[in-house]
Amino acid sequence: MTTQTTAERMALIREAARKFRMKQAKLGHFKRQESVKVQSYMRDTDDERHWTDAPKYAKEYYGEVYRETTRFDNDWD
């Protein structure tokens, strides 16, 4: 174990704090960008890719596969 002076320890603490602040700033920027994307998507409800009726979507696009997959869903006998 090496002997450290108070000045050396303070320098290490400052460097660690600087790295931590940079990491937090980057994370905060990422979170802000993600929330902007979500908010803009939520406003865009006229989008043709936005489906509110999942069974209708499944029937229209998956047809027979959907029916064969879900036909026994309520059969718990």
N, C-alpha and C. Protein backbone atom coordinates (compact mmCIF):
# COMPACT_ATOMS: atom_id res chain seq x y z
N MET A 1 0.85 -1.17 0.00
CA MET A 1 0.00 0.00 0.00
C MET A 1 0.90 1.24 0.00
N THR A 2 0.55 2.18 -0.84
CA THR A 2 1.37 3.38 -0.92
C THR A 2 0.82 4.45 0.01
N THR A 3 1.69 5.28 0.44
CA THR A 3 1.30 6.38 1.30
C THR A 3 0.93 7.57 0.42
N GLN A 4 -0.25 8.13 0.69
CA GLN A 4 -0.71 9.27 -0.10
C GLN A 4 -0.80 10.50 0.79
N THR A 5 -0.48 11.59 0.19
CA THR A 5 -0.64 12.84 0.93
C THR A 5 -2.07 13.33 0.74
N THR A 6 -2.44 14.28 1.54
CA THR A 6 -3.78 14.84 1.44
C THR A 6 -4.00 15.46 0.07
N ALA A 7 -3.03 16.10 -0.48
CA ALA A 7 -3.14 16.74 -1.79
C ALA A 7 -3.38 15.69 -2.88
N GLU A 8 -2.67 14.57 -2.79
CA GLU A 8 -2.85 13.51 -3.79
C GLU A 8 -4.25 12.91 -3.69
N ARG A 9 -4.73 12.69 -2.47
CA ARG A 9 -6.08 12.16 -2.29
C ARG A 9 -7.13 13.12 -2.83
N MET A 10 -6.96 14.40 -2.54
CA MET A 10 -7.90 15.40 -3.04
C MET A 10 -7.90 15.45 -4.57
N ALA A 11 -6.73 15.29 -5.18
CA ALA A 11 -6.65 15.28 -6.64
C ALA A 11 -7.39 14.07 -7.21
N LEU A 12 -7.25 12.91 -6.57
CA LEU A 12 -7.97 11.72 -7.01
C LEU A 12 -9.48 11.89 -6.86
N ILE A 13 -9.89 12.47 -5.75
CA ILE A 13 -11.32 12.71 -5.53
C ILE A 13 -11.87 13.68 -6.57
N ARG A 14 -11.13 14.76 -6.86
CA ARG A 14 -11.57 15.72 -7.88
C ARG A 14 -11.71 15.05 -9.25
N GLU A 15 -10.75 14.21 -9.62
CA GLU A 15 -10.80 13.52 -10.91
C GLU A 15 -12.00 12.58 -10.97
N ALA A 16 -12.24 11.84 -9.90
CA ALA A 16 -13.39 10.94 -9.86
C ALA A 16 -14.69 11.73 -9.94
N ALA A 17 -14.77 12.86 -9.26
CA ALA A 17 -15.97 13.69 -9.29
C ALA A 17 -16.19 14.26 -10.69
N ARG A 18 -15.11 14.66 -11.35
CA ARG A 18 -15.23 15.19 -12.72
C ARG A 18 -15.77 14.12 -13.66
N LYS A 19 -15.24 12.90 -13.56
CA LYS A 19 -15.72 11.81 -14.41
C LYS A 19 -17.19 11.49 -14.12
N PHE A 20 -17.56 11.52 -12.84
CA PHE A 20 -18.93 11.25 -12.46
C PHE A 20 -19.88 12.31 -13.02
N ARG A 21 -19.49 13.59 -12.92
CA ARG A 21 -20.33 14.67 -13.46
C ARG A 21 -20.49 14.53 -14.97
N MET A 22 -19.42 14.17 -15.67
CA MET A 22 -19.50 13.99 -17.12
C MET A 22 -20.45 12.85 -17.47
N LYS A 23 -20.35 11.76 -16.72
CA LYS A 23 -21.23 10.61 -16.96
C LYS A 23 -22.69 10.99 -16.72
N GLN A 24 -22.96 11.71 -15.63
CA GLN A 24 -24.32 12.13 -15.32
C GLN A 24 -24.87 13.10 -16.37
N ALA A 25 -24.04 13.98 -16.88
CA ALA A 25 -24.47 14.92 -17.91
C ALA A 25 -24.83 14.17 -19.19
N LYS A 26 -24.02 13.19 -19.55
CA LYS A 26 -24.30 12.40 -20.74
C LYS A 26 -25.60 11.61 -20.58
N LEU A 27 -25.79 11.02 -19.40
CA LEU A 27 -27.01 10.26 -19.13
C LEU A 27 -28.23 11.17 -19.15
N GLY A 28 -28.11 12.36 -18.57
CA GLY A 28 -29.21 13.31 -18.58
C GLY A 28 -29.57 13.73 -19.99
N HIS A 29 -28.59 13.94 -20.83
CA HIS A 29 -28.84 14.31 -22.22
C HIS A 29 -29.58 13.18 -22.93
N PHE A 30 -29.16 11.95 -22.70
CA PHE A 30 -29.82 10.80 -23.32
C PHE A 30 -31.27 10.69 -22.87
N LYS A 31 -31.52 10.86 -21.57
CA LYS A 31 -32.89 10.78 -21.06
C LYS A 31 -33.76 11.88 -21.65
N ARG A 32 -33.21 13.10 -21.78
CA ARG A 32 -33.99 14.19 -22.37
C ARG A 32 -34.33 13.89 -23.81
N GLN A 33 -33.38 13.33 -24.56
CA GLN A 33 -33.63 13.00 -25.96
C GLN A 33 -34.71 11.94 -26.08
N GLU A 34 -34.66 10.92 -25.22
CA GLU A 34 -35.66 9.86 -25.25
C GLU A 34 -37.04 10.39 -24.92
N SER A 35 -37.14 11.29 -23.93
CA SER A 35 -38.46 11.81 -23.57
C SER A 35 -39.02 12.67 -24.69
N VAL A 36 -38.18 13.38 -25.42
CA VAL A 36 -38.64 14.17 -26.56
C VAL A 36 -39.19 13.25 -27.64
N LYS A 37 -38.52 12.13 -27.89
CA LYS A 37 -38.99 11.18 -28.90
C LYS A 37 -40.34 10.59 -28.50
N VAL A 38 -40.51 10.23 -27.25
CA VAL A 38 -41.76 9.65 -26.78
C VAL A 38 -42.87 10.67 -26.86
N GLN A 39 -42.61 11.90 -26.45
CA GLN A 39 -43.64 12.93 -26.49
C GLN A 39 -44.06 13.21 -27.93
N SER A 40 -43.12 13.25 -28.86
CA SER A 40 -43.49 13.52 -30.24
C SER A 40 -44.28 12.37 -30.82
N TYR A 41 -43.99 11.13 -30.41
CA TYR A 41 -44.76 9.99 -30.90
C TYR A 41 -46.18 10.02 -30.32
N MET A 42 -46.30 10.42 -29.06
CA MET A 42 -47.62 10.44 -28.43
C MET A 42 -48.53 11.48 -29.09
N ARG A 43 -47.95 12.57 -29.57
CA ARG A 43 -48.76 13.58 -30.25
C ARG A 43 -49.20 13.13 -31.63
N ASP A 44 -48.48 12.19 -32.21
CA ASP A 44 -48.71 11.78 -33.59
C ASP A 44 -49.68 10.60 -33.66
N THR A 45 -50.94 10.82 -33.27
CA THR A 45 -51.91 9.72 -33.24
C THR A 45 -52.57 9.49 -34.59
N ASP A 46 -52.36 10.37 -35.56
CA ASP A 46 -52.93 10.17 -36.88
C ASP A 46 -52.05 9.29 -37.75
N ASP A 47 -51.04 8.73 -37.17
CA ASP A 47 -50.10 7.88 -37.89
C ASP A 47 -50.80 6.61 -38.36
N GLU A 48 -50.61 6.23 -39.61
CA GLU A 48 -51.28 5.03 -40.13
C GLU A 48 -50.74 3.76 -39.51
N ARG A 49 -49.59 3.82 -38.86
CA ARG A 49 -49.03 2.65 -38.19
C ARG A 49 -49.54 2.51 -36.77
N HIS A 50 -50.34 3.44 -36.32
CA HIS A 50 -50.84 3.43 -34.95
C HIS A 50 -52.14 2.65 -34.90
N TRP A 51 -52.14 1.51 -34.24
CA TRP A 51 -53.33 0.68 -34.12
C TRP A 51 -53.81 0.71 -32.68
N THR A 52 -55.11 0.91 -32.49
CA THR A 52 -55.66 0.85 -31.15
C THR A 52 -56.44 -0.43 -30.93
N ASP A 53 -56.70 -1.15 -31.99
CA ASP A 53 -57.48 -2.39 -31.91
C ASP A 53 -56.58 -3.55 -32.29
N ALA A 54 -55.94 -4.16 -31.31
CA ALA A 54 -54.97 -5.23 -31.57
C ALA A 54 -55.59 -6.44 -32.26
N PRO A 55 -56.76 -6.93 -31.84
CA PRO A 55 -57.34 -8.09 -32.53
C PRO A 55 -57.65 -7.80 -34.01
N LYS A 56 -58.11 -6.60 -34.30
CA LYS A 56 -58.41 -6.24 -35.69
C LYS A 56 -57.12 -6.24 -36.52
N TYR A 57 -56.04 -5.69 -35.95
CA TYR A 57 -54.74 -5.69 -36.62
C TYR A 57 -54.27 -7.12 -36.88
N ALA A 58 -54.37 -7.96 -35.86
CA ALA A 58 -53.92 -9.35 -36.01
C ALA A 58 -54.73 -10.09 -37.06
N LYS A 59 -56.04 -9.89 -37.07
CA LYS A 59 -56.88 -10.57 -38.07
C LYS A 59 -56.56 -10.09 -39.48
N GLU A 60 -56.34 -8.79 -39.61
CA GLU A 60 -56.09 -8.24 -40.95
C GLU A 60 -54.74 -8.67 -41.50
N TYR A 61 -53.71 -8.67 -40.66
CA TYR A 61 -52.36 -8.93 -41.17
C TYR A 61 -51.87 -10.36 -40.98
N TYR A 62 -52.48 -11.11 -40.04
CA TYR A 62 -51.99 -12.46 -39.79
C TYR A 62 -53.05 -13.53 -40.03
N GLY A 63 -54.30 -13.16 -40.14
CA GLY A 63 -55.40 -14.02 -40.53
C GLY A 63 -55.42 -15.40 -39.90
N GLU A 64 -55.16 -16.41 -40.73
CA GLU A 64 -55.26 -17.81 -40.32
C GLU A 64 -54.29 -18.15 -39.19
N VAL A 65 -53.10 -17.63 -39.23
CA VAL A 65 -52.12 -17.89 -38.17
C VAL A 65 -52.65 -17.36 -36.84
N TYR A 66 -53.25 -16.18 -36.86
CA TYR A 66 -53.82 -15.61 -35.63
C TYR A 66 -54.95 -16.49 -35.10
N ARG A 67 -55.85 -16.92 -35.99
CA ARG A 67 -56.98 -17.74 -35.55
C ARG A 67 -56.50 -19.08 -34.98
N GLU A 68 -55.55 -19.73 -35.64
CA GLU A 68 -55.05 -21.01 -35.15
C GLU A 68 -54.30 -20.86 -33.83
N THR A 69 -53.65 -19.74 -33.63
CA THR A 69 -52.89 -19.52 -32.40
C THR A 69 -53.81 -19.23 -31.22
N THR A 70 -54.89 -18.51 -31.45
CA THR A 70 -55.74 -18.05 -30.35
C THR A 70 -57.02 -18.86 -30.19
N ARG A 71 -57.26 -19.87 -30.98
CA ARG A 71 -58.55 -20.55 -30.90
C ARG A 71 -58.75 -21.31 -29.60
N PHE A 72 -57.69 -21.73 -28.94
CA PHE A 72 -57.84 -22.45 -27.68
C PHE A 72 -57.56 -21.58 -26.45
N ASP A 73 -57.49 -20.28 -26.62
CA ASP A 73 -57.16 -19.39 -25.50
C ASP A 73 -58.18 -19.46 -24.36
N ASN A 74 -59.45 -19.62 -24.67
CA ASN A 74 -60.47 -19.63 -23.63
C ASN A 74 -60.93 -21.05 -23.28
N ASP A 75 -60.25 -22.05 -23.78
CA ASP A 75 -60.63 -23.43 -23.54
C ASP A 75 -59.80 -23.99 -22.38
N TRP A 76 -60.30 -23.82 -21.15
CA TRP A 76 -59.54 -24.24 -19.96
C TRP A 76 -60.11 -25.53 -19.35
N ASP A 77 -60.86 -26.28 -20.10
CA ASP A 77 -61.46 -27.53 -19.57
C ASP A 77 -60.47 -28.65 -19.47
